[in-house]
Amino acid sequence: MKKLFLALLFVTSSTLLVEAQTFDFKIDHFALVVEDSDVSADFYANILKLEETPHPDLKPYFRWFVVSGNSQIHLIEKEFAPFEKNKSMHLCLSTQDLDGMIAHLEKNNIPYWDW
């Protein structure tokens, strides 16, 4: 009976320690593998109007864009295995001007759809 009590006491005290600790995470960046970094960068810069920020090592085929504050999207040009596209895997950006964004997409002939 003592062993069970000690194990239960350990689990309970460990759980309390984990619950009291917080890390206050924020999204730093989201990396996307792309086929052509220049074509993709053109979309993020000219269609989404995101500001490009330099890659610290000035590596070719890496393009970084600021989303908000310190959050970024990193475009990385690499070969990768094809996969089945699924709308459940997605990047979501929000805007206060949805009508303006839709008009901008339509003006630039960018296809889009509602979920």
Protein backbone atom coordinates (compact mmCIF):
# COMPACT_ATOMS: atom_id res chain seq x y z
CA MET A 1 0.00 0.00 0.00
CA LYS A 2 2.90 2.38 0.69
CA LYS A 3 4.23 2.06 -2.87
CA LEU A 4 0.88 2.95 -4.41
CA PHE A 5 0.53 5.95 -2.13
CA LEU A 6 4.02 7.22 -2.98
CA ALA A 7 3.45 6.83 -6.72
CA LEU A 8 0.13 8.64 -6.50
CA LEU A 9 1.68 11.41 -4.44
CA PHE A 10 4.46 11.81 -7.03
CA VAL A 11 2.03 12.02 -9.95
CA THR A 12 -0.16 14.53 -8.11
CA SER A 13 2.74 16.79 -7.14
CA SER A 14 4.22 16.62 -10.66
CA THR A 15 0.88 17.52 -12.19
CA LEU A 16 0.53 20.53 -9.92
CA LEU A 17 4.00 21.71 -10.91
CA VAL A 18 3.19 21.45 -14.65
CA GLU A 19 -0.15 23.24 -14.28
CA ALA A 20 1.47 26.18 -12.46
CA GLN A 21 4.07 26.74 -15.19
CA THR A 22 3.18 28.65 -18.36
CA PHE A 23 5.33 29.47 -21.35
CA ASP A 24 3.34 32.28 -23.04
CA PHE A 25 4.06 30.96 -26.54
CA LYS A 26 3.64 33.14 -29.61
CA ILE A 27 4.06 31.92 -33.18
CA ASP A 28 7.55 32.81 -34.36
CA HIS A 29 7.33 31.53 -37.92
CA PHE A 30 5.63 29.09 -40.24
CA ALA A 31 7.88 27.43 -42.85
CA LEU A 32 6.50 26.46 -46.25
CA VAL A 33 8.37 24.35 -48.78
CA VAL A 34 7.73 25.82 -52.25
CA GLU A 35 8.66 24.79 -55.80
CA ASP A 36 9.80 28.28 -56.86
CA SER A 37 10.75 30.78 -54.16
CA ASP A 38 10.63 33.77 -56.54
CA VAL A 39 7.13 33.00 -57.81
CA SER A 40 5.88 32.30 -54.28
CA ALA A 41 7.61 35.43 -52.92
CA ASP A 42 5.88 37.50 -55.60
CA PHE A 43 2.50 36.24 -54.33
CA TYR A 44 3.28 36.96 -50.67
CA ALA A 45 4.71 40.41 -51.46
CA ASN A 46 2.35 41.66 -54.16
CA ILE A 47 -0.91 39.84 -53.46
CA LEU A 48 -0.85 39.44 -49.68
CA LYS A 49 1.16 42.69 -49.28
CA LEU A 50 3.51 41.18 -46.68
CA GLU A 51 6.84 42.90 -46.04
CA GLU A 52 9.87 40.82 -46.97
CA THR A 53 12.65 40.66 -44.40
CA PRO A 54 16.16 39.48 -45.26
CA HIS A 55 17.32 35.99 -44.40
CA PRO A 56 20.19 36.38 -41.89
CA ASP A 57 22.58 34.19 -43.93
CA LEU A 58 21.45 35.58 -47.30
CA LYS A 59 20.89 32.01 -48.49
CA PRO A 60 19.44 31.65 -51.97
CA TYR A 61 16.02 30.02 -52.24
CA PHE A 62 14.97 31.27 -48.79
CA ARG A 63 12.50 34.18 -48.63
CA TRP A 64 11.09 35.48 -45.34
CA PHE A 65 8.00 37.66 -44.83
CA VAL A 66 6.71 39.45 -41.74
CA VAL A 67 3.09 38.65 -40.92
CA SER A 68 2.52 40.62 -37.74
CA GLY A 69 4.94 41.80 -35.07
CA ASN A 70 7.68 39.19 -34.96
CA SER A 71 5.66 36.42 -36.66
CA GLN A 72 6.97 35.38 -40.06
CA ILE A 73 6.35 33.07 -43.00
CA HIS A 74 9.50 31.40 -44.34
CA LEU A 75 9.43 30.21 -47.95
CA ILE A 76 11.99 27.50 -48.60
CA GLU A 77 12.60 26.29 -52.14
CA LYS A 78 13.35 22.57 -52.05
CA GLU A 79 12.31 19.40 -53.79
CA PHE A 80 9.79 17.49 -51.79
CA ALA A 81 7.64 14.43 -52.19
CA PRO A 82 4.25 15.22 -53.65
CA PHE A 83 1.36 14.86 -51.25
CA GLU A 84 -2.40 14.97 -51.46
CA LYS A 85 -3.61 18.49 -50.81
CA ASN A 86 -6.16 18.69 -48.05
CA LYS A 87 -7.93 21.85 -46.85
CA SER A 88 -7.56 20.63 -43.27
CA MET A 89 -3.82 21.41 -43.56
CA HIS A 90 -3.66 25.15 -43.99
CA LEU A 91 -2.22 28.47 -42.95
CA CYS A 92 -4.85 30.94 -41.78
CA LEU A 93 -4.32 34.71 -41.92
CA SER A 94 -7.02 37.04 -40.63
CA THR A 95 -7.86 40.56 -41.77
CA GLN A 96 -10.21 43.31 -40.67
CA ASP A 97 -10.89 44.08 -44.36
CA LEU A 98 -12.21 40.82 -45.82
CA ASP A 99 -14.22 42.58 -48.55
CA GLY A 100 -11.14 44.55 -49.58
CA MET A 101 -9.02 41.40 -49.63
CA ILE A 102 -11.57 39.55 -51.77
CA ALA A 103 -11.73 42.49 -54.20
CA HIS A 104 -7.91 42.51 -54.35
CA LEU A 105 -7.82 38.75 -55.09
CA GLU A 106 -10.44 39.13 -57.82
CA LYS A 107 -8.64 42.13 -59.36
CA ASN A 108 -5.48 39.99 -59.59
CA ASN A 109 -7.30 36.87 -60.88
CA ILE A 110 -6.35 34.82 -57.80
CA PRO A 111 -8.68 31.85 -57.26
CA TYR A 112 -10.13 31.46 -53.77
CA TRP A 113 -13.03 29.66 -52.15
CA ASP A 114 -14.99 29.52 -48.96
CA TRP A 115 -14.52 26.46 -46.80
